Structures are given as structure tokens and as C-alpha cells.
Amino acid sequence: MGVDVRYRRVYDEPSREDGVRILVDRVWPRGLRKEDAHIDEWMRDVAPSTELRRWYGHDPERYEEFRRRYLTELGEAERQAAVQRLRETAARTPVTLLTASRDLEHSQAAVLAASEPIGRPAASSVGAVRRPVGDRAAGRPARPAADRGSPATRR
């Protein structure tokens, strides 16, 4: 059996297929009330360091270097307990990694979902699912923020 790890924006409506919903951002998403978040766990320790996050700035041209540096950070001793907890959760149930990042394909959630320790199956495993979820994943253009009830329009 493969590992089912997905990723999506924390602002998207939850889905029954999400499984365990884990926020993987270091800071709480702007404009989102905790009681409205539908998050099962907030794993700050698997998020990129503040220094790396600031250096990256979600610049797609820096993504490959960000990915390399982030995977190096995930290997650090102080992050191992959180990485192991995420790995164990993903091994037993579907997991959706949540991020506030607008560019899902260039986010830490995408890196985690595709990484060997979390989302990528071992060579002998089959059936892993690593995909973004939502409008972009379905090949539809993203709806304007006003149509999907973004935090800015919910006030």
C-alpha cells in the first residue's frame, strides 16, 4: 500500500478525502481564525526556518535551491521528532499538508509531499498520491478571492 500525501492551501474548503489536515507553515495564516481552520495539527517544526523562508521569498527562480536547503534542514537533529511524527501519520492514514502559500507548486508543502521521508514511497511501494488539491489540481483556473471567501473578504 502506498502513502497518500496531498497538499493544498489552508484557505480552501476541507474535503472528506483530506484525511489528517496538518499545517506546515511556521507562522499562523493571515486572516484565518483558529476555530475556522479545520486543522488537526500544526507542525511548525517541519516548516522552513525563518531565515530560509525570508531568503526564499517564494521566488520561483530560487525554488530548486530552496528545496535543497529545506531538505537539509529537515535532516537536522532538532527536526527529526517532528519529521518522524509526520512520517508515521502518513504511513497509517491519508494526510493533507496545508500552507498559506499562494504558489502551491513552489511551497514547502510540495517539497514535503514529494520527499523521501514523508510522501515519496520506497522503491518497492506503489500507489503513492502526491498532488495538489483544489481548483488548480482539477485543471480549472483559480477562482477570484471574492468567489471563494478568502480571509480578506470574510471580515
C-alpha atoms as a PDB file:
ATOM      1  CA  MET A   1       0.000   0.000   0.000  1.00  0.00           C
ATOM      2  CA  GLY A   2       1.293   3.445  -0.880  1.00  0.00           C
ATOM      3  CA  VAL A   3       1.439   6.646   1.085  1.00  0.00           C
ATOM      4  CA  ASP A   4      -1.345   9.164   0.415  1.00  0.00           C
ATOM      5  CA  VAL A   5       0.055  12.671   0.942  1.00  0.00           C
ATOM      6  CA  ARG A   6      -1.649  15.675  -0.617  1.00  0.00           C
ATOM      7  CA  TYR A   7      -1.158  19.389  -0.238  1.00  0.00           C
ATOM      8  CA  ARG A   8      -3.438  22.364  -0.550  1.00  0.00           C
ATOM      9  CA  ARG A   9      -3.998  25.895   0.642  1.00  0.00           C
ATOM     10  CA  VAL A  10      -5.209  26.222   4.199  1.00  0.00           C
ATOM     11  CA  TYR A  11      -7.846  28.688   2.979  1.00  0.00           C
ATOM     12  CA  ASP A  12      -9.521  26.065   0.730  1.00  0.00           C
ATOM     13  CA  GLU A  13     -12.624  24.302   1.989  1.00  0.00           C
ATOM     14  CA  PRO A  14     -11.870  20.970   3.692  1.00  0.00           C
ATOM     15  CA  SER A  15     -12.680  17.793   1.808  1.00  0.00           C
ATOM     16  CA  ARG A  16     -13.670  14.345   3.073  1.00  0.00           C
ATOM     17  CA  GLU A  17     -10.652  12.945   1.225  1.00  0.00           C
ATOM     18  CA  ASP A  18      -8.224  15.169   3.151  1.00  0.00           C
ATOM     19  CA  GLY A  19      -7.628  12.706   5.947  1.00  0.00           C
ATOM     20  CA  VAL A  20      -5.496  14.285   8.670  1.00  0.00           C
ATOM     21  CA  ARG A  21      -5.035  18.008   7.945  1.00  0.00           C
ATOM     22  CA  ILE A  22      -1.610  19.278   9.017  1.00  0.00           C
ATOM     23  CA  LEU A  23      -0.497  22.902   8.784  1.00  0.00           C
ATOM     24  CA  VAL A  24       3.192  23.025   7.798  1.00  0.00           C
ATOM     25  CA  ASP A  25       3.762  26.805   7.995  1.00  0.00           C
ATOM     26  CA  ARG A  26       5.917  28.366  10.710  1.00  0.00           C
ATOM     27  CA  VAL A  27       3.547  31.315  11.212  1.00  0.00           C
ATOM     28  CA  TRP A  28      -0.231  31.223  11.518  1.00  0.00           C
ATOM     29  CA  PRO A  29      -2.039  32.052   8.218  1.00  0.00           C
ATOM     30  CA  ARG A  30      -3.076  35.673   7.984  1.00  0.00           C
ATOM     31  CA  GLY A  31      -6.772  36.364   8.439  1.00  0.00           C
ATOM     32  CA  LEU A  32      -7.694  32.806   9.448  1.00  0.00           C
ATOM     33  CA  ARG A  33      -9.334  32.255  12.820  1.00  0.00           C
ATOM     34  CA  LYS A  34      -8.199  29.104  14.588  1.00  0.00           C
ATOM     35  CA  GLU A  35     -11.778  27.951  15.113  1.00  0.00           C
ATOM     36  CA  ASP A  36     -12.393  28.204  11.333  1.00  0.00           C
ATOM     37  CA  ALA A  37      -9.176  26.482  10.257  1.00  0.00           C
ATOM     38  CA  HIS A  38     -10.226  22.795  10.348  1.00  0.00           C
ATOM     39  CA  ILE A  39      -6.672  21.769  11.193  1.00  0.00           C
ATOM     40  CA  ASP A  40      -5.846  18.567  13.053  1.00  0.00           C
ATOM     41  CA  GLU A  41      -2.273  19.515  13.860  1.00  0.00           C
ATOM     42  CA  TRP A  42       0.115  22.438  13.409  1.00  0.00           C
ATOM     43  CA  MET A  43       3.644  21.149  12.808  1.00  0.00           C
ATOM     44  CA  ARG A  44       5.819  24.260  12.997  1.00  0.00           C
ATOM     45  CA  ASP A  45       8.934  22.128  13.411  1.00  0.00           C
ATOM     46  CA  VAL A  46       8.711  20.795   9.840  1.00  0.00           C
ATOM     47  CA  ALA A  47       8.349  24.294   8.378  1.00  0.00           C
ATOM     48  CA  PRO A  48      11.383  26.010   6.844  1.00  0.00           C
ATOM     49  CA  SER A  49      13.442  28.142   9.206  1.00  0.00           C
ATOM     50  CA  THR A  50      12.632  31.836   9.370  1.00  0.00           C
ATOM     51  CA  GLU A  51      15.971  32.597   7.713  1.00  0.00           C
ATOM     52  CA  LEU A  52      15.329  30.208   4.814  1.00  0.00           C
ATOM     53  CA  ARG A  53      11.746  31.398   4.394  1.00  0.00           C
ATOM     54  CA  ARG A  54      12.864  35.033   4.220  1.00  0.00           C
ATOM     55  CA  TRP A  55      15.697  34.244   1.792  1.00  0.00           C
ATOM     56  CA  TYR A  56      13.355  32.286  -0.490  1.00  0.00           C
ATOM     57  CA  GLY A  57      10.535  34.842  -0.543  1.00  0.00           C
ATOM     58  CA  HIS A  58       8.512  32.422  -2.744  1.00  0.00           C
ATOM     59  CA  ASP A  59      10.632  33.394  -5.746  1.00  0.00           C
ATOM     60  CA  PRO A  60      10.170  30.516  -8.247  1.00  0.00           C
ATOM     61  CA  GLU A  61      13.681  31.125  -9.601  1.00  0.00           C
ATOM     62  CA  ARG A  62      15.052  30.206  -6.157  1.00  0.00           C
ATOM     63  CA  TYR A  63      12.856  27.121  -5.746  1.00  0.00           C
ATOM     64  CA  GLU A  64      15.451  24.438  -6.525  1.00  0.00           C
ATOM     65  CA  GLU A  65      17.951  25.954  -4.083  1.00  0.00           C
ATOM     66  CA  PHE A  66      15.169  26.421  -1.528  1.00  0.00           C
ATOM     67  CA  ARG A  67      14.203  22.772  -1.947  1.00  0.00           C
ATOM     68  CA  ARG A  68      17.796  21.634  -1.439  1.00  0.00           C
ATOM     69  CA  ARG A  69      18.299  23.806   1.650  1.00  0.00           C
ATOM     70  CA  TYR A  70      14.921  22.842   3.106  1.00  0.00           C
ATOM     71  CA  LEU A  71      15.602  19.123   2.755  1.00  0.00           C
ATOM     72  CA  THR A  72      18.934  19.709   4.505  1.00  0.00           C
ATOM     73  CA  GLU A  73      17.091  21.458   7.342  1.00  0.00           C
ATOM     74  CA  LEU A  74      14.668  18.545   7.647  1.00  0.00           C
ATOM     75  CA  GLY A  75      17.645  16.293   8.295  1.00  0.00           C
ATOM     76  CA  GLU A  76      18.751  18.312  11.329  1.00  0.00           C
ATOM     77  CA  ALA A  77      18.539  16.573  14.713  1.00  0.00           C
ATOM     78  CA  GLU A  78      16.134  19.113  16.248  1.00  0.00           C
ATOM     79  CA  ARG A  79      13.587  18.451  13.479  1.00  0.00           C
ATOM     80  CA  GLN A  80      13.771  14.672  13.495  1.00  0.00           C
ATOM     81  CA  ALA A  81      10.987  14.102  16.046  1.00  0.00           C
ATOM     82  CA  ALA A  82       8.525  16.195  14.010  1.00  0.00           C
ATOM     83  CA  VAL A  83       9.576  14.592  10.724  1.00  0.00           C
ATOM     84  CA  GLN A  84       9.164  11.149  12.283  1.00  0.00           C
ATOM     85  CA  ARG A  85       5.699  12.029  13.621  1.00  0.00           C
ATOM     86  CA  LEU A  86       4.669  13.247  10.161  1.00  0.00           C
ATOM     87  CA  ARG A  87       6.106  10.096   8.556  1.00  0.00           C
ATOM     88  CA  GLU A  88       4.197   7.850  10.986  1.00  0.00           C
ATOM     89  CA  THR A  89       0.938   9.712  10.439  1.00  0.00           C
ATOM     90  CA  ALA A  90       1.310   9.478   6.652  1.00  0.00           C
ATOM     91  CA  ALA A  91       2.040   5.748   6.897  1.00  0.00           C
ATOM     92  CA  ARG A  92      -1.252   4.981   8.644  1.00  0.00           C
ATOM     93  CA  THR A  93      -3.762   7.431   7.148  1.00  0.00           C
ATOM     94  CA  PRO A  94      -4.203   9.908   4.275  1.00  0.00           C
ATOM     95  CA  VAL A  95      -2.602  13.274   5.034  1.00  0.00           C
ATOM     96  CA  THR A  96      -3.163  16.723   3.577  1.00  0.00           C
ATOM     97  CA  LEU A  97      -0.358  19.205   4.163  1.00  0.00           C
ATOM     98  CA  LEU A  98      -1.693  22.744   4.453  1.00  0.00           C
ATOM     99  CA  THR A  99       0.053  26.004   3.654  1.00  0.00           C
ATOM    100  CA  ALA A 100      -0.961  29.616   3.181  1.00  0.00           C
ATOM    101  CA  SER A 101       1.363  29.901   0.178  1.00  0.00           C
ATOM    102  CA  ARG A 102      -0.379  31.067  -2.989  1.00  0.00           C
ATOM    103  CA  ASP A 103       2.020  29.118  -5.207  1.00  0.00           C
ATOM    104  CA  LEU A 104       1.439  25.523  -4.118  1.00  0.00           C
ATOM    105  CA  GLU A 105       3.868  24.002  -6.576  1.00  0.00           C
ATOM    106  CA  HIS A 106       6.728  26.080  -5.136  1.00  0.00           C
ATOM    107  CA  SER A 107       5.849  25.649  -1.461  1.00  0.00           C
ATOM    108  CA  GLN A 108       7.312  23.681   1.412  1.00  0.00           C
ATOM    109  CA  ALA A 109       4.171  21.530   1.349  1.00  0.00           C
ATOM    110  CA  ALA A 110       5.081  20.400  -2.183  1.00  0.00           C
ATOM    111  CA  VAL A 111       8.642  19.637  -1.082  1.00  0.00           C
ATOM    112  CA  LEU A 112       7.409  17.610   1.892  1.00  0.00           C
ATOM    113  CA  ALA A 113       4.841  15.672  -0.140  1.00  0.00           C
ATOM    114  CA  ALA A 114       7.478  14.667  -2.662  1.00  0.00           C
ATOM    115  CA  SER A 115      10.272  13.987  -0.159  1.00  0.00           C
ATOM    116  CA  GLU A 116      11.597  10.537   0.636  1.00  0.00           C
ATOM    117  CA  PRO A 117      10.968  10.784   4.363  1.00  0.00           C
ATOM    118  CA  ILE A 118       7.312  11.750   4.009  1.00  0.00           C
ATOM    119  CA  GLY A 119       5.447  11.369   0.738  1.00  0.00           C
ATOM    120  CA  ARG A 120       7.615   9.521  -1.728  1.00  0.00           C
ATOM    121  CA  PRO A 121       7.259   5.748  -1.480  1.00  0.00           C
ATOM    122  CA  ALA A 122      10.193   3.429  -1.116  1.00  0.00           C
ATOM    123  CA  ALA A 123      11.301   1.740  -4.348  1.00  0.00           C
ATOM    124  CA  SER A 124       9.130  -1.309  -3.627  1.00  0.00           C
ATOM    125  CA  SER A 125       5.964   0.664  -2.756  1.00  0.00           C
ATOM    126  CA  VAL A 126       3.226   1.525  -5.203  1.00  0.00           C
ATOM    127  CA  GLY A 127       0.176   3.747  -5.242  1.00  0.00           C
ATOM    128  CA  ALA A 128       1.512   6.944  -3.692  1.00  0.00           C
ATOM    129  CA  VAL A 129      -0.549  10.033  -4.280  1.00  0.00           C
ATOM    130  CA  ARG A 130       1.257  13.367  -4.240  1.00  0.00           C
ATOM    131  CA  ARG A 131      -0.861  16.081  -5.692  1.00  0.00           C
ATOM    132  CA  PRO A 132      -2.225  19.496  -5.010  1.00  0.00           C
ATOM    133  CA  VAL A 133      -5.934  19.568  -4.297  1.00  0.00           C
ATOM    134  CA  GLY A 134      -8.452  22.189  -5.401  1.00  0.00           C
ATOM    135  CA  ASP A 135      -9.265  24.200  -8.491  1.00  0.00           C
ATOM    136  CA  ARG A 136      -5.735  24.218  -9.918  1.00  0.00           C
ATOM    137  CA  ALA A 137      -5.376  20.475  -9.421  1.00  0.00           C
ATOM    138  CA  ALA A 138      -8.564  19.895 -11.399  1.00  0.00           C
ATOM    139  CA  GLY A 139      -7.238  21.904 -14.341  1.00  0.00           C
ATOM    140  CA  ARG A 140      -9.596  24.786 -13.692  1.00  0.00           C
ATOM    141  CA  PRO A 141      -8.344  28.316 -13.238  1.00  0.00           C
ATOM    142  CA  ALA A 142      -8.346  29.518  -9.665  1.00  0.00           C
ATOM    143  CA  ARG A 143     -11.461  31.400  -8.666  1.00  0.00           C
ATOM    144  CA  PRO A 144     -11.090  35.037  -7.671  1.00  0.00           C
ATOM    145  CA  ALA A 145     -10.620  35.520  -3.929  1.00  0.00           C
ATOM    146  CA  ALA A 146     -14.056  37.109  -3.579  1.00  0.00           C
ATOM    147  CA  ASP A 147     -15.688  33.958  -5.011  1.00  0.00           C
ATOM    148  CA  ARG A 148     -14.025  31.538  -2.609  1.00  0.00           C
ATOM    149  CA  GLY A 149     -14.422  33.548   0.550  1.00  0.00           C
ATOM    150  CA  SER A 150     -10.800  34.451   1.153  1.00  0.00           C
ATOM    151  CA  PRO A 151      -9.873  35.757   4.592  1.00  0.00           C
ATOM    152  CA  ALA A 152      -9.796  39.287   3.226  1.00  0.00           C
ATOM    153  CA  THR A 153     -13.460  39.067   2.186  1.00  0.00           C
ATOM    154  CA  ARG A 154     -14.761  37.233   5.282  1.00  0.00           C
ATOM    155  CA  ARG A 155     -14.423  40.181   7.663  1.00  0.00           C
END
